[in-house]
Amino acid sequence: MTDSAVKPLALSLSGVHHVAVIASDYARSRQFYTEVLGLAVVHELYRAERQSYKLDLQLPGGVQLELFSFPSPPPRPSYPEACGLRHLALRVPDLEASLRCLAAHHVAVEPLRVDSVTGARFTFIADPDGLPIELVESVR
């Protein structure tokens, strides 16, 4: 590249709009995301032509999680080092309270860890299809 070459402009991003997840069992995943994680339903639609549900769920801060169902989706290639989305990380204000809630729902929780750079405590759970979900405690 020469000095006279013009560098292309980068996109001007303003944040994350949504994250999309495909479920193998829509009812089971809907229950997990709404009742266990406590996400509010924004919109739910059954698309008969695709034999597919689309459920928009609200995360704090305006980001949405889209939950889709499709007939016979292929399994996740590996856990968690498949190419593509590695995991979904959600911020929680109180990790201990979150662990009590997860225990009440019989959700398996990995051992707590501490990020060596930020000092934040975190752990992992999995959604009904095994998608890793990291819970990161807000640094106080």
N, C-alpha and C. Protein backbone atom coordinates (compact mmCIF):
# COMPACT_ATOMS: atom_id res chain seq x y z
N MET A 1 0.85 -1.17 0.00
CA MET A 1 0.00 0.00 0.00
C MET A 1 0.90 1.24 0.00
N THR A 2 0.60 2.14 -0.86
CA THR A 2 1.40 3.36 -0.95
C THR A 2 0.78 4.45 -0.09
N ASP A 3 1.54 5.51 0.14
CA ASP A 3 1.05 6.63 0.94
C ASP A 3 -0.17 7.27 0.30
N SER A 4 -0.28 7.18 -1.01
CA SER A 4 -1.40 7.82 -1.70
C SER A 4 -2.67 6.96 -1.67
N ALA A 5 -2.55 5.69 -1.23
CA ALA A 5 -3.73 4.81 -1.18
C ALA A 5 -4.66 5.27 -0.06
N VAL A 6 -5.94 5.20 -0.32
CA VAL A 6 -6.95 5.61 0.66
C VAL A 6 -7.43 4.36 1.41
N LYS A 7 -7.34 4.44 2.71
CA LYS A 7 -7.80 3.33 3.53
C LYS A 7 -9.33 3.38 3.61
N PRO A 8 -10.01 2.24 3.38
CA PRO A 8 -11.48 2.25 3.46
C PRO A 8 -11.94 2.55 4.88
N LEU A 9 -13.08 3.20 4.97
CA LEU A 9 -13.66 3.52 6.27
C LEU A 9 -14.17 2.26 6.95
N ALA A 10 -14.07 2.20 8.26
CA ALA A 10 -14.63 1.10 9.02
C ALA A 10 -16.10 1.39 9.28
N LEU A 11 -16.89 0.33 9.51
CA LEU A 11 -18.29 0.51 9.86
C LEU A 11 -18.40 1.31 11.14
N SER A 12 -19.49 2.02 11.26
CA SER A 12 -19.78 2.75 12.49
C SER A 12 -20.86 1.97 13.24
N LEU A 13 -20.42 1.10 14.16
CA LEU A 13 -21.36 0.27 14.91
C LEU A 13 -21.79 0.98 16.19
N SER A 14 -23.04 0.74 16.57
CA SER A 14 -23.54 1.38 17.79
C SER A 14 -23.90 0.38 18.87
N GLY A 15 -23.66 -0.90 18.64
CA GLY A 15 -23.94 -1.91 19.66
C GLY A 15 -24.42 -3.21 19.06
N VAL A 16 -24.79 -4.13 19.92
CA VAL A 16 -25.33 -5.43 19.50
C VAL A 16 -26.85 -5.30 19.47
N HIS A 17 -27.46 -5.71 18.36
CA HIS A 17 -28.92 -5.68 18.25
C HIS A 17 -29.53 -6.96 18.81
N HIS A 18 -29.04 -8.12 18.34
CA HIS A 18 -29.57 -9.39 18.83
C HIS A 18 -28.57 -10.51 18.62
N VAL A 19 -28.82 -11.59 19.33
CA VAL A 19 -28.09 -12.84 19.16
C VAL A 19 -29.15 -13.89 18.84
N ALA A 20 -28.87 -14.76 17.87
CA ALA A 20 -29.84 -15.77 17.46
C ALA A 20 -29.37 -17.16 17.89
N VAL A 21 -30.32 -17.94 18.42
CA VAL A 21 -30.05 -19.30 18.87
C VAL A 21 -31.09 -20.21 18.23
N ILE A 22 -30.65 -21.37 17.74
CA ILE A 22 -31.57 -22.36 17.19
C ILE A 22 -31.73 -23.49 18.20
N ALA A 23 -32.97 -23.83 18.51
CA ALA A 23 -33.28 -24.86 19.50
C ALA A 23 -33.75 -26.14 18.82
N SER A 24 -33.41 -27.28 19.42
CA SER A 24 -33.91 -28.56 18.89
C SER A 24 -35.30 -28.86 19.43
N ASP A 25 -35.62 -28.37 20.63
CA ASP A 25 -36.92 -28.58 21.25
C ASP A 25 -37.41 -27.20 21.69
N TYR A 26 -38.29 -26.61 20.89
CA TYR A 26 -38.70 -25.23 21.11
C TYR A 26 -39.31 -25.01 22.50
N ALA A 27 -40.25 -25.88 22.91
CA ALA A 27 -40.92 -25.70 24.19
C ALA A 27 -39.93 -25.76 25.35
N ARG A 28 -39.00 -26.69 25.30
CA ARG A 28 -38.00 -26.84 26.36
C ARG A 28 -37.09 -25.61 26.43
N SER A 29 -36.64 -25.14 25.26
CA SER A 29 -35.77 -23.96 25.24
C SER A 29 -36.53 -22.69 25.61
N ARG A 30 -37.77 -22.58 25.17
CA ARG A 30 -38.58 -21.42 25.54
C ARG A 30 -38.71 -21.33 27.06
N GLN A 31 -38.99 -22.47 27.69
CA GLN A 31 -39.12 -22.52 29.15
C GLN A 31 -37.80 -22.12 29.81
N PHE A 32 -36.66 -22.61 29.31
CA PHE A 32 -35.36 -22.30 29.89
C PHE A 32 -35.07 -20.79 29.81
N TYR A 33 -35.24 -20.21 28.63
CA TYR A 33 -34.89 -18.80 28.44
C TYR A 33 -35.86 -17.85 29.15
N THR A 34 -37.15 -18.23 29.24
CA THR A 34 -38.11 -17.33 29.89
C THR A 34 -38.21 -17.57 31.39
N GLU A 35 -38.24 -18.83 31.83
CA GLU A 35 -38.45 -19.11 33.25
C GLU A 35 -37.14 -19.21 34.04
N VAL A 36 -36.12 -19.84 33.48
CA VAL A 36 -34.85 -19.97 34.21
C VAL A 36 -34.03 -18.69 34.10
N LEU A 37 -33.83 -18.20 32.86
CA LEU A 37 -33.06 -16.97 32.69
C LEU A 37 -33.90 -15.71 32.90
N GLY A 38 -35.22 -15.84 32.86
CA GLY A 38 -36.11 -14.71 33.17
C GLY A 38 -36.22 -13.67 32.07
N LEU A 39 -35.99 -14.07 30.82
CA LEU A 39 -36.08 -13.10 29.72
C LEU A 39 -37.54 -12.87 29.34
N ALA A 40 -37.90 -11.62 29.12
CA ALA A 40 -39.27 -11.25 28.76
C ALA A 40 -39.50 -11.49 27.27
N VAL A 41 -40.70 -11.98 26.94
CA VAL A 41 -41.09 -12.20 25.55
C VAL A 41 -41.48 -10.86 24.93
N VAL A 42 -40.84 -10.54 23.80
CA VAL A 42 -41.17 -9.34 23.04
C VAL A 42 -42.19 -9.69 21.96
N HIS A 43 -41.93 -10.80 21.26
CA HIS A 43 -42.80 -11.22 20.16
C HIS A 43 -42.57 -12.69 19.90
N GLU A 44 -43.66 -13.40 19.59
CA GLU A 44 -43.56 -14.83 19.26
C GLU A 44 -44.38 -15.09 18.01
N LEU A 45 -43.80 -15.86 17.10
CA LEU A 45 -44.44 -16.10 15.82
C LEU A 45 -44.17 -17.53 15.37
N TYR A 46 -45.21 -18.21 14.91
CA TYR A 46 -45.03 -19.51 14.27
C TYR A 46 -45.12 -19.31 12.77
N ARG A 47 -44.09 -19.74 12.05
CA ARG A 47 -44.04 -19.59 10.59
C ARG A 47 -44.32 -20.96 9.98
N ALA A 48 -45.58 -21.18 9.62
CA ALA A 48 -46.02 -22.49 9.13
C ALA A 48 -45.25 -22.95 7.90
N GLU A 49 -44.95 -22.00 7.00
CA GLU A 49 -44.25 -22.37 5.76
C GLU A 49 -42.84 -22.91 6.03
N ARG A 50 -42.27 -22.57 7.20
CA ARG A 50 -40.93 -23.05 7.56
C ARG A 50 -40.98 -24.06 8.70
N GLN A 51 -42.18 -24.36 9.19
CA GLN A 51 -42.35 -25.22 10.36
C GLN A 51 -41.44 -24.75 11.50
N SER A 52 -41.47 -23.44 11.74
CA SER A 52 -40.48 -22.82 12.61
C SER A 52 -41.11 -21.76 13.49
N TYR A 53 -40.67 -21.76 14.75
CA TYR A 53 -41.01 -20.67 15.66
C TYR A 53 -39.88 -19.65 15.65
N LYS A 54 -40.25 -18.40 15.91
CA LYS A 54 -39.29 -17.32 16.15
C LYS A 54 -39.78 -16.57 17.38
N LEU A 55 -38.96 -16.58 18.42
CA LEU A 55 -39.30 -15.95 19.68
C LEU A 55 -38.28 -14.87 19.96
N ASP A 56 -38.73 -13.62 20.07
CA ASP A 56 -37.84 -12.51 20.41
C ASP A 56 -37.92 -12.29 21.92
N LEU A 57 -36.76 -12.32 22.57
CA LEU A 57 -36.66 -12.16 24.02
C LEU A 57 -35.82 -10.93 24.33
N GLN A 58 -36.19 -10.22 25.39
CA GLN A 58 -35.51 -8.97 25.75
C GLN A 58 -34.43 -9.22 26.79
N LEU A 59 -33.22 -8.76 26.49
CA LEU A 59 -32.13 -8.72 27.46
C LEU A 59 -32.01 -7.29 27.97
N PRO A 60 -31.47 -7.11 29.17
CA PRO A 60 -31.25 -5.75 29.65
C PRO A 60 -30.35 -4.97 28.69
N GLY A 61 -30.57 -3.68 28.59
CA GLY A 61 -29.74 -2.84 27.73
C GLY A 61 -30.22 -2.77 26.30
N GLY A 62 -31.36 -3.38 26.00
CA GLY A 62 -31.92 -3.27 24.66
C GLY A 62 -31.55 -4.37 23.69
N VAL A 63 -30.61 -5.23 24.03
CA VAL A 63 -30.23 -6.34 23.16
C VAL A 63 -31.31 -7.41 23.24
N GLN A 64 -31.58 -8.05 22.12
CA GLN A 64 -32.55 -9.13 22.10
C GLN A 64 -31.88 -10.47 21.81
N LEU A 65 -32.52 -11.53 22.26
CA LEU A 65 -32.12 -12.88 21.92
C LEU A 65 -33.24 -13.45 21.08
N GLU A 66 -32.92 -13.93 19.89
CA GLU A 66 -33.91 -14.56 19.03
C GLU A 66 -33.76 -16.07 19.18
N LEU A 67 -34.86 -16.72 19.54
CA LEU A 67 -34.87 -18.17 19.67
C LEU A 67 -35.66 -18.74 18.49
N PHE A 68 -35.01 -19.58 17.71
CA PHE A 68 -35.63 -20.20 16.55
C PHE A 68 -35.77 -21.70 16.75
N SER A 69 -36.76 -22.28 16.09
CA SER A 69 -36.84 -23.74 15.99
C SER A 69 -36.93 -24.07 14.51
N PHE A 70 -36.31 -25.16 14.13
CA PHE A 70 -36.40 -25.67 12.77
C PHE A 70 -36.50 -27.19 12.85
N PRO A 71 -37.17 -27.83 11.91
CA PRO A 71 -37.25 -29.29 11.95
C PRO A 71 -35.85 -29.91 11.79
N SER A 72 -35.48 -30.77 12.70
CA SER A 72 -34.23 -31.55 12.65
C SER A 72 -32.98 -30.72 12.41
N PRO A 73 -32.69 -29.73 13.25
CA PRO A 73 -31.44 -28.98 13.06
C PRO A 73 -30.24 -29.88 13.37
N PRO A 74 -29.11 -29.67 12.68
CA PRO A 74 -27.94 -30.50 12.98
C PRO A 74 -27.39 -30.16 14.35
N PRO A 75 -26.74 -31.11 15.01
CA PRO A 75 -26.18 -30.83 16.33
C PRO A 75 -24.99 -29.89 16.25
N ARG A 76 -24.67 -29.27 17.38
CA ARG A 76 -23.49 -28.42 17.48
C ARG A 76 -22.27 -29.30 17.23
N PRO A 77 -21.32 -28.86 16.38
CA PRO A 77 -20.18 -29.71 16.02
C PRO A 77 -19.29 -30.14 17.19
N SER A 78 -19.02 -29.26 18.12
CA SER A 78 -18.20 -29.64 19.27
C SER A 78 -18.42 -28.64 20.39
N TYR A 79 -17.97 -28.97 21.55
CA TYR A 79 -18.18 -28.11 22.71
C TYR A 79 -16.85 -27.69 23.27
N PRO A 80 -16.52 -26.44 23.47
CA PRO A 80 -17.13 -25.26 22.85
C PRO A 80 -16.27 -24.71 21.72
N GLU A 81 -15.32 -25.47 21.23
CA GLU A 81 -14.37 -24.91 20.26
C GLU A 81 -14.79 -25.07 18.80
N ALA A 82 -16.08 -25.17 18.53
CA ALA A 82 -16.54 -25.20 17.15
C ALA A 82 -16.32 -23.81 16.55
N CYS A 83 -16.08 -23.77 15.26
CA CYS A 83 -15.92 -22.50 14.58
C CYS A 83 -17.25 -21.76 14.63
N GLY A 84 -17.23 -20.50 14.92
CA GLY A 84 -18.45 -19.72 15.03
C GLY A 84 -18.63 -19.24 16.45
N LEU A 85 -19.87 -19.03 16.86
CA LEU A 85 -20.16 -18.54 18.20
C LEU A 85 -19.65 -19.54 19.24
N ARG A 86 -18.78 -19.09 20.11
CA ARG A 86 -18.22 -19.96 21.14
C ARG A 86 -19.17 -20.08 22.33
N HIS A 87 -19.66 -18.95 22.83
CA HIS A 87 -20.62 -18.96 23.91
C HIS A 87 -21.32 -17.61 23.99
N LEU A 88 -22.39 -17.59 24.75
CA LEU A 88 -23.13 -16.37 25.03
C LEU A 88 -22.77 -15.97 26.45
N ALA A 89 -22.33 -14.74 26.66
CA ALA A 89 -21.95 -14.27 27.99
C ALA A 89 -22.97 -13.25 28.47
N LEU A 90 -23.52 -13.50 29.65
CA LEU A 90 -24.51 -12.61 30.24
C LEU A 90 -23.98 -12.06 31.56
N ARG A 91 -24.19 -10.77 31.77
CA ARG A 91 -23.74 -10.12 33.00
C ARG A 91 -24.82 -10.29 34.06
N VAL A 92 -24.41 -10.63 35.29
CA VAL A 92 -25.33 -10.74 36.42
C VAL A 92 -24.83 -9.84 37.55
N PRO A 93 -25.74 -9.22 38.31
CA PRO A 93 -25.29 -8.33 39.38
C PRO A 93 -24.78 -9.08 40.61
N ASP A 94 -25.29 -10.31 40.85
CA ASP A 94 -24.94 -11.07 42.05
C ASP A 94 -24.82 -12.54 41.67
N LEU A 95 -23.61 -13.03 41.56
CA LEU A 95 -23.38 -14.40 41.12
C LEU A 95 -23.93 -15.41 42.12
N GLU A 96 -23.80 -15.14 43.41
CA GLU A 96 -24.31 -16.07 44.43
C GLU A 96 -25.83 -16.22 44.31
N ALA A 97 -26.55 -15.11 44.14
CA ALA A 97 -28.00 -15.17 43.97
C ALA A 97 -28.36 -15.93 42.69
N SER A 98 -27.57 -15.74 41.64
CA SER A 98 -27.80 -16.46 40.39
C SER A 98 -27.61 -17.95 40.58
N LEU A 99 -26.60 -18.34 41.33
CA LEU A 99 -26.35 -19.76 41.58
C LEU A 99 -27.49 -20.39 42.38
N ARG A 100 -28.04 -19.67 43.33
CA ARG A 100 -29.19 -20.18 44.09
C ARG A 100 -30.40 -20.38 43.18
N CYS A 101 -30.63 -19.43 42.31
CA CYS A 101 -31.74 -19.54 41.36
C CYS A 101 -31.56 -20.73 40.44
N LEU A 102 -30.36 -20.90 39.91
CA LEU A 102 -30.08 -22.03 39.01
C LEU A 102 -30.24 -23.36 39.73
N ALA A 103 -29.81 -23.43 40.99
CA ALA A 103 -29.96 -24.66 41.77
C ALA A 103 -31.44 -25.00 41.95
N ALA A 104 -32.28 -23.98 42.16
CA ALA A 104 -33.72 -24.20 42.32
C ALA A 104 -34.34 -24.75 41.04
N HIS A 105 -33.73 -24.45 39.91
CA HIS A 105 -34.21 -24.95 38.61
C HIS A 105 -33.45 -26.21 38.19
N HIS A 106 -32.58 -26.72 39.05
CA HIS A 106 -31.79 -27.94 38.77
C HIS A 106 -30.91 -27.79 37.54
N VAL A 107 -30.33 -26.61 37.36
CA VAL A 107 -29.42 -26.35 36.25
C VAL A 107 -27.99 -26.60 36.73
N ALA A 108 -27.26 -27.44 36.00
CA ALA A 108 -25.86 -27.74 36.34
C ALA A 108 -25.00 -26.50 36.12
N VAL A 109 -24.10 -26.25 37.06
CA VAL A 109 -23.23 -25.08 37.01
C VAL A 109 -21.78 -25.55 37.12
N GLU A 110 -20.91 -25.03 36.25
CA GLU A 110 -19.49 -25.35 36.35
C GLU A 110 -18.90 -24.63 37.57
N PRO A 111 -17.73 -25.07 38.03
CA PRO A 111 -17.09 -24.39 39.17
C PRO A 111 -16.84 -22.91 38.86
N LEU A 112 -16.93 -22.09 39.91
CA LEU A 112 -16.66 -20.65 39.76
C LEU A 112 -15.20 -20.43 39.41
N ARG A 113 -14.97 -19.41 38.60
CA ARG A 113 -13.61 -19.01 38.23
C ARG A 113 -13.50 -17.51 38.41
N VAL A 114 -12.27 -17.03 38.38
CA VAL A 114 -12.01 -15.60 38.46
C VAL A 114 -11.15 -15.20 37.28
N ASP A 115 -11.59 -14.19 36.54
CA ASP A 115 -10.83 -13.69 35.40
C ASP A 115 -9.55 -13.06 35.90
N SER A 116 -8.41 -13.53 35.43
CA SER A 116 -7.12 -13.05 35.93
C SER A 116 -6.83 -11.61 35.53
N VAL A 117 -7.51 -11.09 34.52
CA VAL A 117 -7.28 -9.72 34.08
C VAL A 117 -8.22 -8.74 34.79
N THR A 118 -9.53 -9.07 34.80
CA THR A 118 -10.52 -8.13 35.35
C THR A 118 -10.85 -8.39 36.81
N GLY A 119 -10.58 -9.59 37.29
CA GLY A 119 -10.95 -9.95 38.65
C GLY A 119 -12.41 -10.35 38.79
N ALA A 120 -13.15 -10.35 37.69
CA ALA A 120 -14.57 -10.71 37.73
C ALA A 120 -14.74 -12.21 37.94
N ARG A 121 -15.72 -12.56 38.78
CA ARG A 121 -16.06 -13.98 38.96
C ARG A 121 -17.02 -14.40 37.85
N PHE A 122 -16.89 -15.64 37.39
CA PHE A 122 -17.76 -16.14 36.33
C PHE A 122 -17.89 -17.64 36.42
N THR A 123 -18.90 -18.15 35.73
CA THR A 123 -19.12 -19.58 35.62
C THR A 123 -19.85 -19.84 34.32
N PHE A 124 -20.03 -21.11 34.00
CA PHE A 124 -20.75 -21.50 32.79
C PHE A 124 -21.90 -22.44 33.13
N ILE A 125 -22.99 -22.27 32.39
CA ILE A 125 -24.10 -23.21 32.37
C ILE A 125 -24.31 -23.56 30.90
N ALA A 126 -25.29 -24.39 30.62
CA ALA A 126 -25.61 -24.71 29.23
C ALA A 126 -27.11 -24.63 29.03
N ASP A 127 -27.52 -24.20 27.84
CA ASP A 127 -28.94 -24.19 27.54
C ASP A 127 -29.35 -25.64 27.23
N PRO A 128 -30.64 -25.91 26.98
CA PRO A 128 -31.07 -27.29 26.77
C PRO A 128 -30.38 -28.02 25.61
N ASP A 129 -29.81 -27.28 24.66
CA ASP A 129 -29.09 -27.91 23.55
C ASP A 129 -27.59 -27.91 23.76
N GLY A 130 -27.13 -27.52 24.93
CA GLY A 130 -25.71 -27.55 25.22
C GLY A 130 -24.95 -26.30 24.84
N LEU A 131 -25.64 -25.23 24.39
CA LEU A 131 -24.95 -23.98 24.07
C LEU A 131 -24.38 -23.42 25.37
N PRO A 132 -23.07 -23.21 25.44
CA PRO A 132 -22.49 -22.66 26.67
C PRO A 132 -22.95 -21.22 26.91
N ILE A 133 -23.35 -20.96 28.14
CA ILE A 133 -23.75 -19.61 28.56
C ILE A 133 -22.87 -19.24 29.74
N GLU A 134 -22.10 -18.19 29.57
CA GLU A 134 -21.24 -17.70 30.64
C GLU A 134 -22.02 -16.67 31.45
N LEU A 135 -21.94 -16.78 32.77
CA LEU A 135 -22.52 -15.78 33.66
C LEU A 135 -21.35 -15.05 34.31
N VAL A 136 -21.27 -13.74 34.05
CA VAL A 136 -20.17 -12.92 34.55
C VAL A 136 -20.73 -11.94 35.55
N GLU A 137 -20.16 -11.94 36.76
CA GLU A 137 -20.63 -11.01 37.78
C GLU A 137 -20.10 -9.61 37.48
N SER A 138 -20.98 -8.63 37.57
CA SER A 138 -20.57 -7.24 37.38
C SER A 138 -19.49 -6.91 38.39
N VAL A 139 -18.41 -6.32 37.94
CA VAL A 139 -17.32 -5.94 38.84
C VAL A 139 -17.79 -4.78 39.69
N ARG A 140 -17.65 -4.94 40.97
CA ARG A 140 -18.16 -3.90 41.90
C ARG A 140 -17.16 -2.82 42.11
